[in-house]
Amino acid sequence: VTYLIDQGHRAIGLIGSVPDAYPSIRERRKGYMRALQSHGIQQTYIEDGSLTRRDAFEATQRLLNRAPQVTAIFACNDDVAIGVLNAAAALGLNVPADLSVIGFDNIELSQEIKPALTTMHIDKALMGSMAVRCLAERADGSRQTPLTIMLSTRLVVRDSVRARRVSD
């Protein structure tokens, strides 16, 4: 979301979450809110929905019909972002000329679709190995205290986001 703000977007939507989603999606929703707040942006554009392309398609249409001033959407995962892209096309919008879209997860398909999706990469192999390690330590009794591990993400810039000029 900070990347979208840095590109000049101020009316940024969020698609693919609900307030009581599982932890990683709740964190993405909180990150959306924190990024807006830290840049002095008061207005939020959230359309709740599940993490499916179909729900994302419908949520995007609802959001853009009620808030046509939205110039960018943060999708909580790449599958949701594909639903956003499809909804934008159905509404006659060009990505990124009319609407910028950013996803999360960096699935293989995200680089093959048109436009190629700007997304957040997370090392899922490392995440899996860390989870197995933690489970093994708990199983053998060597770790009794709760442990939270946070992995960093990396922005993968592709073609679905454009910078906005002041006059846009």
Protein backbone atom coordinates (compact mmCIF):
# COMPACT_ATOMS: atom_id res chain seq x y z
CA VAL A 1 0.00 0.00 0.00
CA THR A 2 2.91 2.31 0.72
CA TYR A 3 4.20 1.61 -2.79
CA LEU A 4 0.84 2.70 -4.22
CA ILE A 5 0.93 5.86 -2.11
CA ASP A 6 4.50 6.52 -3.26
CA GLN A 7 3.21 6.25 -6.83
CA GLY A 8 0.74 9.08 -6.16
CA HIS A 9 -2.41 7.11 -5.36
CA ARG A 10 -4.61 8.41 -2.55
CA ALA A 11 -7.94 6.62 -3.16
CA ILE A 12 -6.83 3.03 -2.59
CA GLY A 13 -9.21 0.11 -2.21
CA LEU A 14 -8.79 -3.15 -0.31
CA ILE A 15 -10.30 -6.36 -1.67
CA GLY A 16 -10.13 -9.91 -0.29
CA SER A 17 -10.49 -9.69 3.45
CA VAL A 18 -12.99 -9.73 6.27
CA PRO A 19 -12.38 -8.39 9.78
CA ASP A 20 -12.28 -11.91 11.30
CA ALA A 21 -10.12 -13.53 8.60
CA TYR A 22 -7.25 -15.80 9.55
CA PRO A 23 -4.13 -14.06 10.93
CA SER A 24 -2.10 -13.38 7.79
CA ILE A 25 -5.08 -11.77 6.04
CA ARG A 26 -5.93 -9.74 9.15
CA GLU A 27 -2.31 -8.50 9.12
CA ARG A 28 -2.66 -7.43 5.47
CA ARG A 29 -5.84 -5.54 6.33
CA LYS A 30 -4.10 -3.88 9.30
CA GLY A 31 -1.15 -3.04 7.06
CA TYR A 32 -3.53 -1.32 4.62
CA MET A 33 -4.93 0.78 7.46
CA ARG A 34 -1.48 1.58 8.92
CA ALA A 35 -0.07 2.66 5.56
CA LEU A 36 -2.97 5.02 4.91
CA GLN A 37 -2.84 6.46 8.43
CA SER A 38 0.93 6.95 8.37
CA HIS A 39 0.55 9.01 5.18
CA GLY A 40 -2.33 11.10 6.52
CA ILE A 41 -4.97 9.46 4.32
CA GLN A 42 -8.27 9.28 6.19
CA GLN A 43 -10.58 7.74 3.59
CA THR A 44 -10.66 3.96 3.32
CA TYR A 45 -12.26 1.94 0.54
CA ILE A 46 -12.79 -1.59 1.81
CA GLU A 47 -15.10 -4.12 0.23
CA ASP A 48 -15.22 -7.29 2.32
CA GLY A 49 -15.07 -10.67 0.65
CA SER A 50 -13.39 -14.03 0.62
CA LEU A 51 -10.14 -14.98 -1.08
CA THR A 52 -11.69 -16.22 -4.33
CA ARG A 53 -11.59 -14.75 -7.82
CA ARG A 54 -15.39 -14.77 -8.03
CA ASP A 55 -15.87 -12.89 -4.74
CA ALA A 56 -13.08 -10.50 -5.70
CA PHE A 57 -14.74 -9.85 -9.06
CA GLU A 58 -18.05 -9.02 -7.37
CA ALA A 59 -16.45 -7.02 -4.55
CA THR A 60 -14.44 -4.96 -7.03
CA GLN A 61 -17.54 -4.14 -9.05
CA ARG A 62 -19.38 -3.08 -5.88
CA LEU A 63 -16.44 -0.97 -4.73
CA LEU A 64 -15.85 0.79 -8.04
CA ASN A 65 -19.56 1.43 -8.58
CA ARG A 66 -19.89 3.13 -5.18
CA ALA A 67 -16.44 4.79 -5.23
CA PRO A 68 -15.39 5.52 -8.83
CA GLN A 69 -12.62 7.80 -7.50
CA VAL A 70 -10.58 4.73 -6.48
CA THR A 71 -7.39 4.67 -8.58
CA ALA A 72 -5.68 1.64 -7.05
CA ILE A 73 -6.57 -1.60 -5.32
CA PHE A 74 -4.53 -3.71 -2.93
CA ALA A 75 -5.67 -7.34 -3.23
CA CYS A 76 -4.98 -9.62 -0.27
CA ASN A 77 -3.59 -12.34 -2.53
CA ASP A 78 -2.79 -12.83 -6.19
CA ASP A 79 -5.89 -14.92 -6.88
CA VAL A 80 -7.99 -12.02 -5.59
CA ALA A 81 -5.93 -9.63 -7.73
CA ILE A 82 -6.81 -11.69 -10.83
CA GLY A 83 -10.49 -11.30 -9.90
CA VAL A 84 -9.89 -7.54 -9.57
CA LEU A 85 -8.27 -7.45 -13.02
CA ASN A 86 -11.23 -9.32 -14.51
CA ALA A 87 -13.73 -6.96 -12.86
CA ALA A 88 -11.82 -3.92 -14.10
CA ALA A 89 -11.93 -5.29 -17.65
CA ALA A 90 -15.66 -6.02 -17.35
CA LEU A 91 -16.18 -2.39 -16.28
CA GLY A 92 -14.21 -1.17 -19.29
CA LEU A 93 -11.23 -0.03 -17.22
CA ASN A 94 -7.65 -0.39 -18.38
CA VAL A 95 -5.07 -1.65 -15.89
CA PRO A 96 -2.88 0.24 -15.13
CA ALA A 97 -4.00 3.35 -17.07
CA ASP A 98 -7.34 3.63 -15.21
CA LEU A 99 -6.75 1.42 -12.18
CA SER A 100 -3.55 0.15 -10.58
CA VAL A 101 -3.62 -3.29 -8.93
CA ILE A 102 -1.17 -4.94 -6.56
CA GLY A 103 -1.41 -8.49 -5.22
CA PHE A 104 0.27 -10.59 -2.58
CA ASP A 105 2.02 -14.01 -2.73
CA ASN A 106 3.77 -13.85 -6.12
CA ILE A 107 2.17 -17.00 -7.50
CA GLU A 108 3.58 -18.22 -10.81
CA LEU A 109 0.51 -17.06 -12.74
CA SER A 110 1.07 -13.45 -11.59
CA GLN A 111 3.89 -12.98 -14.09
CA GLU A 112 2.01 -14.64 -16.96
CA ILE A 113 -1.24 -12.65 -16.92
CA LYS A 114 -1.62 -9.39 -18.84
CA PRO A 115 -0.70 -7.00 -17.46
CA ALA A 116 1.86 -8.87 -15.36
CA LEU A 117 0.91 -8.37 -11.72
CA THR A 118 2.90 -6.22 -9.32
CA THR A 119 2.87 -8.25 -6.11
CA MET A 120 4.46 -8.94 -2.76
CA HIS A 121 6.72 -11.99 -2.69
CA ILE A 122 6.91 -14.16 0.40
CA ASP A 123 9.26 -17.12 0.65
CA LYS A 124 6.76 -19.96 1.14
CA ALA A 125 9.45 -22.64 1.15
CA LEU A 126 11.18 -20.90 4.06
CA MET A 127 7.83 -20.45 5.77
CA GLY A 128 7.15 -24.17 5.47
CA SER A 129 10.56 -25.23 6.73
CA MET A 130 10.28 -22.88 9.71
CA ALA A 131 6.86 -24.32 10.55
CA VAL A 132 8.18 -27.90 10.38
CA ARG A 133 11.14 -26.93 12.58
CA CYS A 134 8.85 -25.36 15.18
CA LEU A 135 6.57 -28.41 15.17
CA ALA A 136 9.54 -30.74 15.60
CA GLU A 137 10.82 -28.69 18.54
CA ARG A 138 7.41 -28.77 20.18
CA ALA A 139 7.05 -32.51 19.57
CA ASP A 140 10.36 -33.32 21.25
CA GLY A 141 9.56 -31.00 24.16
CA SER A 142 12.44 -28.58 23.61
CA ARG A 143 10.16 -25.60 22.93
CA GLN A 144 7.35 -24.92 25.36
CA THR A 145 6.93 -21.15 25.01
CA PRO A 146 4.79 -19.75 22.20
CA LEU A 147 6.80 -18.44 19.29
CA THR A 148 5.88 -15.97 16.57
CA ILE A 149 8.05 -15.81 13.48
CA MET A 150 7.65 -12.98 11.00
CA LEU A 151 9.10 -13.33 7.52
CA SER A 152 9.80 -10.28 5.44
CA THR A 153 8.26 -9.69 2.05
CA ARG A 154 9.71 -8.23 -1.11
CA LEU A 155 7.91 -6.07 -3.66
CA VAL A 156 7.99 -7.47 -7.21
CA VAL A 157 7.30 -4.57 -9.57
CA ARG A 158 5.68 -5.59 -12.85
CA ASP A 159 3.12 -3.87 -15.10
CA SER A 160 -0.13 -3.47 -13.12
CA VAL A 161 0.73 -0.24 -11.30
CA ARG A 162 1.33 3.18 -12.81
CA ALA A 163 2.50 6.36 -11.20
CA ARG A 164 -0.08 9.13 -11.03
CA ARG A 165 0.84 12.70 -11.80
CA VAL A 166 -0.53 15.53 -9.68
CA SER A 167 -2.90 16.44 -12.53
CA ASP A 168 -4.41 12.90 -12.71
